Structure formats: structure tokens, C-alpha cells
Amino acid sequence: MEPHSRISDDIDIDHKTSRSICDEVGEQLQQDLSLEASPLPPYLDRLIDELRKQDT
């Protein structure tokens, strides 16, 4: 029998279900955060371009 977690007075969930929920929430957060990522400020963009030029 798997251990249970109590998330409220009325709901018991097993470890497998809890893990599935956590995994799904994590995936959704990663997708949402990647969509909200703002582009680099122009000055950082220029610095990165300069570094790339120095590498070649």
C-alpha cells in the first residue's frame, strides 16, 4: 500500500497521484515561463554579438 498525503480535510491522494500532479504543474510552469521570457536588452545583445565575433 502506498503512503497517502493529506492535502485537505476531505481529500487523500497517494504518492503516485501526487507525483503526477507535481510533474504536470512543473511542465506547465516551464512552458509558461519560456513564453514570458523577455528578449535581452539591446546593450547585452550587442555584447553577445561582440563575444561571438571574437570567438571566430
Protein backbone atom coordinates (compact mmCIF):
# COMPACT_ATOMS: atom_id res chain seq x y z
CA MET A 1 0.00 0.00 0.00
CA GLU A 2 1.38 3.40 -1.00
CA PRO A 3 1.69 6.23 1.54
CA HIS A 4 -1.01 8.88 1.38
CA SER A 5 -0.75 12.65 1.62
CA ARG A 6 -3.50 14.71 3.17
CA ILE A 7 -3.96 17.94 1.21
CA SER A 8 -7.15 18.97 2.98
CA ASP A 9 -9.60 17.54 5.47
CA ASP A 10 -11.56 15.87 2.67
CA ILE A 11 -9.01 14.68 0.11
CA ASP A 12 -6.42 11.91 0.36
CA ILE A 13 -4.10 11.23 -2.56
CA ASP A 14 -1.45 8.56 -2.95
CA HIS A 15 2.19 9.22 -3.79
CA LYS A 16 1.79 8.29 -7.46
CA THR A 17 -1.06 10.75 -7.95
CA SER A 18 0.78 13.46 -6.02
CA ARG A 19 3.90 12.94 -8.18
CA SER A 20 1.82 13.12 -11.38
CA ILE A 21 0.25 16.40 -10.28
CA CYS A 22 3.63 17.88 -9.37
CA ASP A 23 5.14 16.81 -12.69
CA GLU A 24 2.28 18.34 -14.67
CA VAL A 25 2.40 21.61 -12.73
CA GLY A 26 6.17 21.76 -13.30
CA GLU A 27 5.77 21.23 -17.04
CA GLN A 28 3.11 23.93 -17.27
CA LEU A 29 5.29 26.38 -15.34
CA GLN A 30 8.24 25.72 -17.63
CA GLN A 31 6.09 26.33 -20.71
CA ASP A 32 4.55 29.49 -19.26
CA LEU A 33 7.90 30.91 -18.15
CA SER A 34 9.53 30.25 -21.50
CA LEU A 35 6.71 32.12 -23.26
CA GLU A 36 7.08 35.09 -20.93
CA ALA A 37 10.85 35.32 -21.24
CA SER A 38 11.71 38.77 -22.43
CA PRO A 39 14.38 39.38 -25.02
CA LEU A 40 17.76 40.64 -23.90
CA PRO A 41 18.22 44.38 -23.64
CA PRO A 42 19.91 45.81 -26.75
CA TYR A 43 23.22 46.51 -25.00
CA LEU A 44 23.51 42.88 -23.84
CA ASP A 45 22.61 41.70 -27.31
CA ARG A 46 25.47 43.78 -28.74
CA LEU A 47 27.91 42.43 -26.15
CA ILE A 48 26.99 38.85 -27.01
CA ASP A 49 27.46 39.61 -30.70
CA GLU A 50 30.91 41.04 -29.94
CA LEU A 51 31.85 37.91 -27.98
CA ARG A 52 30.72 35.71 -30.85
CA LYS A 53 32.86 37.72 -33.27
CA GLN A 54 35.90 37.29 -31.02
CA ASP A 55 35.39 33.50 -30.95
CA THR A 56 35.60 33.24 -34.74
